[in-house]
Amino acid sequence: MPAATQARISLATLNGMSREEFTHHFGGVLERSPHFAERVAGARPINSLDELHGAFVGEIERAPENDQLALLRAHPDLGDRLARLTASSSREQASAGLGALSPEQLGSFQRLNVAYRKRFGFPFIICARLHTKDSILAAFHSRLENSREAEFKTALDEVAKIARLRLQDLVDVPTTFD
């Protein structure tokens, strides 16, 4: 079930869920990677949104590099109208204006997606909810200059930002974004 249609739950409810319920509710926090939510289920009890987010980030950091790469590769190309987007990705891309790209802008995104994948071996990842299409294009250009090591870290950092916002959509607690 997409995050937008799920009821926000309390920490008490989160802590009382079975592993299967937890995985179902939080399986979309990391793009097409519910196995991370299954691992985080074992970190309960959780006492805050920060702790829950930290548990997800910790699982990403502890994962072997090939699992981290698979997580990055689970993300869609930005602006790709033919991609099978998750409901969360679709909403996030739309919030940045990527659902209404002009033909020229779409062409730019397509060229940059190809160049980025060719250079780094995974899609360009940015927390679209914190950007506009123009700021995303600017980030594309500057990040193409990064080393693979720096970009791998940057992409994982962006995944963590995306996860934070998705968790805020799912958990009913007062929140702030770092």
C-alpha atoms as a PDB file:
ATOM      1  CA  MET A   1       0.000   0.000   0.000  1.00  0.00           C
ATOM      2  CA  PRO A   2       1.466   3.412  -0.928  1.00  0.00           C
ATOM      3  CA  ALA A   3       2.509   5.629   1.952  1.00  0.00           C
ATOM      4  CA  ALA A   4       0.033   8.377   1.069  1.00  0.00           C
ATOM      5  CA  THR A   5      -2.910   6.034   1.559  1.00  0.00           C
ATOM      6  CA  GLN A   6      -1.635   4.499   4.780  1.00  0.00           C
ATOM      7  CA  ALA A   7      -2.721   5.958   8.071  1.00  0.00           C
ATOM      8  CA  ARG A   8       0.030   7.549  10.086  1.00  0.00           C
ATOM      9  CA  ILE A   9       0.698   5.428  13.122  1.00  0.00           C
ATOM     10  CA  SER A  10       1.947   6.141  16.611  1.00  0.00           C
ATOM     11  CA  LEU A  11       5.205   4.859  18.028  1.00  0.00           C
ATOM     12  CA  ALA A  12       3.184   2.597  20.333  1.00  0.00           C
ATOM     13  CA  THR A  13       1.445   1.036  17.328  1.00  0.00           C
ATOM     14  CA  LEU A  14       4.761   0.729  15.475  1.00  0.00           C
ATOM     15  CA  ASN A  15       6.317  -1.057  18.444  1.00  0.00           C
ATOM     16  CA  GLY A  16       3.340  -3.412  18.772  1.00  0.00           C
ATOM     17  CA  MET A  17       3.300  -4.564  15.150  1.00  0.00           C
ATOM     18  CA  SER A  18       4.359  -8.014  14.112  1.00  0.00           C
ATOM     19  CA  ARG A  19       7.506  -8.178  11.965  1.00  0.00           C
ATOM     20  CA  GLU A  20       5.288  -8.787   8.919  1.00  0.00           C
ATOM     21  CA  GLU A  21       3.021  -5.803   9.689  1.00  0.00           C
ATOM     22  CA  PHE A  22       6.046  -3.584  10.268  1.00  0.00           C
ATOM     23  CA  THR A  23       7.653  -4.696   7.007  1.00  0.00           C
ATOM     24  CA  HIS A  24       4.404  -4.097   5.120  1.00  0.00           C
ATOM     25  CA  HIS A  25       3.940  -0.622   6.606  1.00  0.00           C
ATOM     26  CA  PHE A  26       7.561   0.497   6.197  1.00  0.00           C
ATOM     27  CA  GLY A  27       8.630  -1.617   3.210  1.00  0.00           C
ATOM     28  CA  GLY A  28       8.465   1.337   0.825  1.00  0.00           C
ATOM     29  CA  VAL A  29      10.655   3.665   2.873  1.00  0.00           C
ATOM     30  CA  LEU A  30      13.676   2.549   0.863  1.00  0.00           C
ATOM     31  CA  GLU A  31      12.874   2.237  -2.828  1.00  0.00           C
ATOM     32  CA  ARG A  32      11.875  -1.332  -3.756  1.00  0.00           C
ATOM     33  CA  SER A  33      13.932  -2.643  -0.825  1.00  0.00           C
ATOM     34  CA  PRO A  34      11.558  -3.951   1.872  1.00  0.00           C
ATOM     35  CA  HIS A  35      14.256  -6.256   3.267  1.00  0.00           C
ATOM     36  CA  PHE A  36      15.742  -3.218   5.019  1.00  0.00           C
ATOM     37  CA  ALA A  37      12.432  -2.616   6.823  1.00  0.00           C
ATOM     38  CA  GLU A  38      12.368  -6.257   7.843  1.00  0.00           C
ATOM     39  CA  ARG A  39      15.803  -5.823   9.427  1.00  0.00           C
ATOM     40  CA  VAL A  40      14.763  -2.586  11.157  1.00  0.00           C
ATOM     41  CA  ALA A  41      11.789  -4.413  12.689  1.00  0.00           C
ATOM     42  CA  GLY A  42      14.285  -6.161  14.942  1.00  0.00           C
ATOM     43  CA  ALA A  43      15.533  -2.828  16.320  1.00  0.00           C
ATOM     44  CA  ARG A  44      12.319  -2.183  18.225  1.00  0.00           C
ATOM     45  CA  PRO A  45      11.299  -0.742  20.565  1.00  0.00           C
ATOM     46  CA  ILE A  46      11.709   2.590  18.824  1.00  0.00           C
ATOM     47  CA  ASN A  47      11.297   5.733  20.919  1.00  0.00           C
ATOM     48  CA  SER A  48      11.408   8.535  18.340  1.00  0.00           C
ATOM     49  CA  LEU A  49      11.346   9.302  14.657  1.00  0.00           C
ATOM     50  CA  ASP A  50      15.060  10.091  14.872  1.00  0.00           C
ATOM     51  CA  GLU A  51      15.700   6.626  16.302  1.00  0.00           C
ATOM     52  CA  LEU A  52      13.595   4.979  13.586  1.00  0.00           C
ATOM     53  CA  HIS A  53      15.400   6.922  10.873  1.00  0.00           C
ATOM     54  CA  GLY A  54      18.723   6.075  12.487  1.00  0.00           C
ATOM     55  CA  ALA A  55      17.818   2.387  12.423  1.00  0.00           C
ATOM     56  CA  PHE A  56      17.157   2.556   8.659  1.00  0.00           C
ATOM     57  CA  VAL A  57      20.350   4.519   8.012  1.00  0.00           C
ATOM     58  CA  GLY A  58      22.308   2.103  10.208  1.00  0.00           C
ATOM     59  CA  GLU A  59      21.057  -0.857   8.182  1.00  0.00           C
ATOM     60  CA  ILE A  60      22.128   0.886   4.972  1.00  0.00           C
ATOM     61  CA  GLU A  61      25.564   1.665   6.403  1.00  0.00           C
ATOM     62  CA  ARG A  62      26.077  -1.906   7.656  1.00  0.00           C
ATOM     63  CA  ALA A  63      25.014  -3.441   4.368  1.00  0.00           C
ATOM     64  CA  PRO A  64      27.754  -4.771   2.098  1.00  0.00           C
ATOM     65  CA  GLU A  65      28.628  -2.473  -0.801  1.00  0.00           C
ATOM     66  CA  ASN A  66      26.853  -4.738  -3.309  1.00  0.00           C
ATOM     67  CA  ASP A  67      23.605  -4.421  -1.273  1.00  0.00           C
ATOM     68  CA  GLN A  68      24.063  -0.651  -1.117  1.00  0.00           C
ATOM     69  CA  LEU A  69      24.556  -0.611  -4.880  1.00  0.00           C
ATOM     70  CA  ALA A  70      21.406  -2.691  -5.359  1.00  0.00           C
ATOM     71  CA  LEU A  71      19.527  -0.163  -3.205  1.00  0.00           C
ATOM     72  CA  LEU A  72      20.768   2.695  -5.381  1.00  0.00           C
ATOM     73  CA  ARG A  73      19.913   0.803  -8.557  1.00  0.00           C
ATOM     74  CA  ALA A  74      16.348   0.243  -7.278  1.00  0.00           C
ATOM     75  CA  HIS A  75      15.689   3.961  -7.830  1.00  0.00           C
ATOM     76  CA  PRO A  76      14.153   5.180 -11.087  1.00  0.00           C
ATOM     77  CA  ASP A  77      15.671   7.693 -13.446  1.00  0.00           C
ATOM     78  CA  LEU A  78      14.357  11.182 -12.733  1.00  0.00           C
ATOM     79  CA  GLY A  79      11.825  12.483 -15.233  1.00  0.00           C
ATOM     80  CA  ASP A  80      11.473   9.124 -16.986  1.00  0.00           C
ATOM     81  CA  ARG A  81       7.840   9.053 -18.037  1.00  0.00           C
ATOM     82  CA  LEU A  82       8.027   5.401 -19.062  1.00  0.00           C
ATOM     83  CA  ALA A  83       9.482   4.119 -15.792  1.00  0.00           C
ATOM     84  CA  ARG A  84       7.377   2.045 -13.446  1.00  0.00           C
ATOM     85  CA  LEU A  85       7.477   4.432 -10.502  1.00  0.00           C
ATOM     86  CA  THR A  86       6.387   3.538  -7.022  1.00  0.00           C
ATOM     87  CA  ALA A  87       3.583   5.739  -5.724  1.00  0.00           C
ATOM     88  CA  SER A  88       6.071   7.497  -3.434  1.00  0.00           C
ATOM     89  CA  SER A  89       8.529   8.210  -6.266  1.00  0.00           C
ATOM     90  CA  SER A  90       5.741   9.449  -8.493  1.00  0.00           C
ATOM     91  CA  ARG A  91       4.532  11.924  -5.841  1.00  0.00           C
ATOM     92  CA  GLU A  92       8.080  13.017  -5.025  1.00  0.00           C
ATOM     93  CA  GLN A  93       9.033  13.631  -8.649  1.00  0.00           C
ATOM     94  CA  ALA A  94       5.758  15.485  -9.244  1.00  0.00           C
ATOM     95  CA  SER A  95       6.419  17.725  -6.225  1.00  0.00           C
ATOM     96  CA  ALA A  96       9.632  18.908  -7.918  1.00  0.00           C
ATOM     97  CA  GLY A  97       7.838  19.569 -11.209  1.00  0.00           C
ATOM     98  CA  LEU A  98       9.242  16.528 -12.999  1.00  0.00           C
ATOM     99  CA  GLY A  99       5.804  15.399 -14.111  1.00  0.00           C
ATOM    100  CA  ALA A 100       5.424  18.540 -16.215  1.00  0.00           C
ATOM    101  CA  LEU A 101       8.697  18.755 -18.114  1.00  0.00           C
ATOM    102  CA  SER A 102       8.795  20.496 -21.466  1.00  0.00           C
ATOM    103  CA  PRO A 103      10.147  18.402 -24.358  1.00  0.00           C
ATOM    104  CA  GLU A 104      13.482  20.243 -24.053  1.00  0.00           C
ATOM    105  CA  GLN A 105      13.680  19.660 -20.301  1.00  0.00           C
ATOM    106  CA  LEU A 106      12.749  16.017 -20.763  1.00  0.00           C
ATOM    107  CA  GLY A 107      15.542  15.691 -23.325  1.00  0.00           C
ATOM    108  CA  SER A 108      18.008  17.238 -20.861  1.00  0.00           C
ATOM    109  CA  PHE A 109      16.957  14.838 -18.103  1.00  0.00           C
ATOM    110  CA  GLN A 110      17.237  11.866 -20.445  1.00  0.00           C
ATOM    111  CA  ARG A 111      20.747  12.840 -21.597  1.00  0.00           C
ATOM    112  CA  LEU A 112      21.885  13.492 -18.035  1.00  0.00           C
ATOM    113  CA  ASN A 113      20.389  10.209 -16.794  1.00  0.00           C
ATOM    114  CA  VAL A 114      22.329   8.304 -19.468  1.00  0.00           C
ATOM    115  CA  ALA A 115      25.585  10.153 -18.782  1.00  0.00           C
ATOM    116  CA  TYR A 116      25.234   9.688 -15.027  1.00  0.00           C
ATOM    117  CA  ARG A 117      24.449   5.963 -15.232  1.00  0.00           C
ATOM    118  CA  LYS A 118      27.335   5.467 -17.642  1.00  0.00           C
ATOM    119  CA  ARG A 119      29.757   7.276 -15.335  1.00  0.00           C
ATOM    120  CA  PHE A 120      28.635   5.842 -11.977  1.00  0.00           C
ATOM    121  CA  GLY A 121      26.696   2.630 -12.670  1.00  0.00           C
ATOM    122  CA  PHE A 122      23.548   3.660 -10.798  1.00  0.00           C
ATOM    123  CA  PRO A 123      20.823   6.284 -11.285  1.00  0.00           C
ATOM    124  CA  PHE A 124      21.100   9.882 -10.140  1.00  0.00           C
ATOM    125  CA  ILE A 125      19.423  10.113  -6.744  1.00  0.00           C
ATOM    126  CA  ILE A 126      18.326  13.329  -5.090  1.00  0.00           C
ATOM    127  CA  CYS A 127      15.637  14.045  -2.529  1.00  0.00           C
ATOM    128  CA  ALA A 128      13.220  15.549  -5.057  1.00  0.00           C
ATOM    129  CA  ARG A 129      10.869  16.848  -2.369  1.00  0.00           C
ATOM    130  CA  LEU A 130      13.587  19.281  -1.305  1.00  0.00           C
ATOM    131  CA  HIS A 131      14.239  20.541  -4.853  1.00  0.00           C
ATOM    132  CA  THR A 132      12.787  22.022  -8.013  1.00  0.00           C
ATOM    133  CA  LYS A 133      13.432  20.753 -11.517  1.00  0.00           C
ATOM    134  CA  ASP A 134      15.941  23.581 -12.004  1.00  0.00           C
ATOM    135  CA  SER A 135      17.881  22.806  -8.823  1.00  0.00           C
ATOM    136  CA  ILE A 136      17.873  19.112  -9.761  1.00  0.00           C
ATOM    137  CA  LEU A 137      19.331  19.920 -13.186  1.00  0.00           C
ATOM    138  CA  ALA A 138      22.016  22.061 -11.539  1.00  0.00           C
ATOM    139  CA  ALA A 139      22.837  19.236  -9.106  1.00  0.00           C
ATOM    140  CA  PHE A 140      23.033  16.778 -11.996  1.00  0.00           C
ATOM    141  CA  HIS A 141      25.666  18.918 -13.699  1.00  0.00           C
ATOM    142  CA  SER A 142      27.777  19.491 -10.598  1.00  0.00           C
ATOM    143  CA  ARG A 143      27.571  15.915  -9.327  1.00  0.00           C
ATOM    144  CA  LEU A 144      28.684  14.493 -12.679  1.00  0.00           C
ATOM    145  CA  GLU A 145      32.075  15.983 -11.769  1.00  0.00           C
ATOM    146  CA  ASN A 146      32.354  13.890  -8.568  1.00  0.00           C
ATOM    147  CA  SER A 147      34.512  10.811  -8.158  1.00  0.00           C
ATOM    148  CA  ARG A 148      32.612   7.533  -8.020  1.00  0.00           C
ATOM    149  CA  GLU A 149      33.444   7.182  -4.322  1.00  0.00           C
ATOM    150  CA  ALA A 150      32.156  10.667  -3.502  1.00  0.00           C
ATOM    151  CA  GLU A 151      29.047  10.186  -5.614  1.00  0.00           C
ATOM    152  CA  PHE A 152      28.279   6.784  -4.082  1.00  0.00           C
ATOM    153  CA  LYS A 153      28.325   8.435  -0.644  1.00  0.00           C
ATOM    154  CA  THR A 154      26.263  11.395  -1.869  1.00  0.00           C
ATOM    155  CA  ALA A 155      23.655   9.075  -3.374  1.00  0.00           C
ATOM    156  CA  LEU A 156      23.377   7.131  -0.092  1.00  0.00           C
ATOM    157  CA  ASP A 157      23.025  10.426   1.794  1.00  0.00           C
ATOM    158  CA  GLU A 158      20.187  11.394  -0.537  1.00  0.00           C
ATOM    159  CA  VAL A 159      18.524   8.012   0.075  1.00  0.00           C
ATOM    160  CA  ALA A 160      18.663   8.805   3.807  1.00  0.00           C
ATOM    161  CA  LYS A 161      16.935  12.172   3.209  1.00  0.00           C
ATOM    162  CA  ILE A 162      14.232  10.483   1.146  1.00  0.00           C
ATOM    163  CA  ALA A 163      13.760   7.876   3.877  1.00  0.00           C
ATOM    164  CA  ARG A 164      13.422  10.575   6.535  1.00  0.00           C
ATOM    165  CA  LEU A 165      10.606  12.295   4.671  1.00  0.00           C
ATOM    166  CA  ARG A 166       8.851   9.018   3.908  1.00  0.00           C
ATOM    167  CA  LEU A 167       9.047   8.051   7.581  1.00  0.00           C
ATOM    168  CA  GLN A 168       7.537  11.408   8.519  1.00  0.00           C
ATOM    169  CA  ASP A 169       4.615  10.507   6.250  1.00  0.00           C
ATOM    170  CA  LEU A 170       4.121   7.189   8.050  1.00  0.00           C
ATOM    171  CA  VAL A 171       4.666   7.968  11.739  1.00  0.00           C
ATOM    172  CA  ASP A 172       2.534  10.329  13.780  1.00  0.00           C
ATOM    173  CA  VAL A 173       5.084  12.142  15.932  1.00  0.00           C
ATOM    174  CA  PRO A 174       6.309  15.752  16.013  1.00  0.00           C
ATOM    175  CA  THR A 175       9.176  16.012  13.525  1.00  0.00           C
ATOM    176  CA  THR A 176      11.895  18.285  12.252  1.00  0.00           C
ATOM    177  CA  PHE A 177      14.167  17.806   9.266  1.00  0.00           C
ATOM    178  CA  ASP A 178      17.904  18.079   9.843  1.00  0.00           C
END
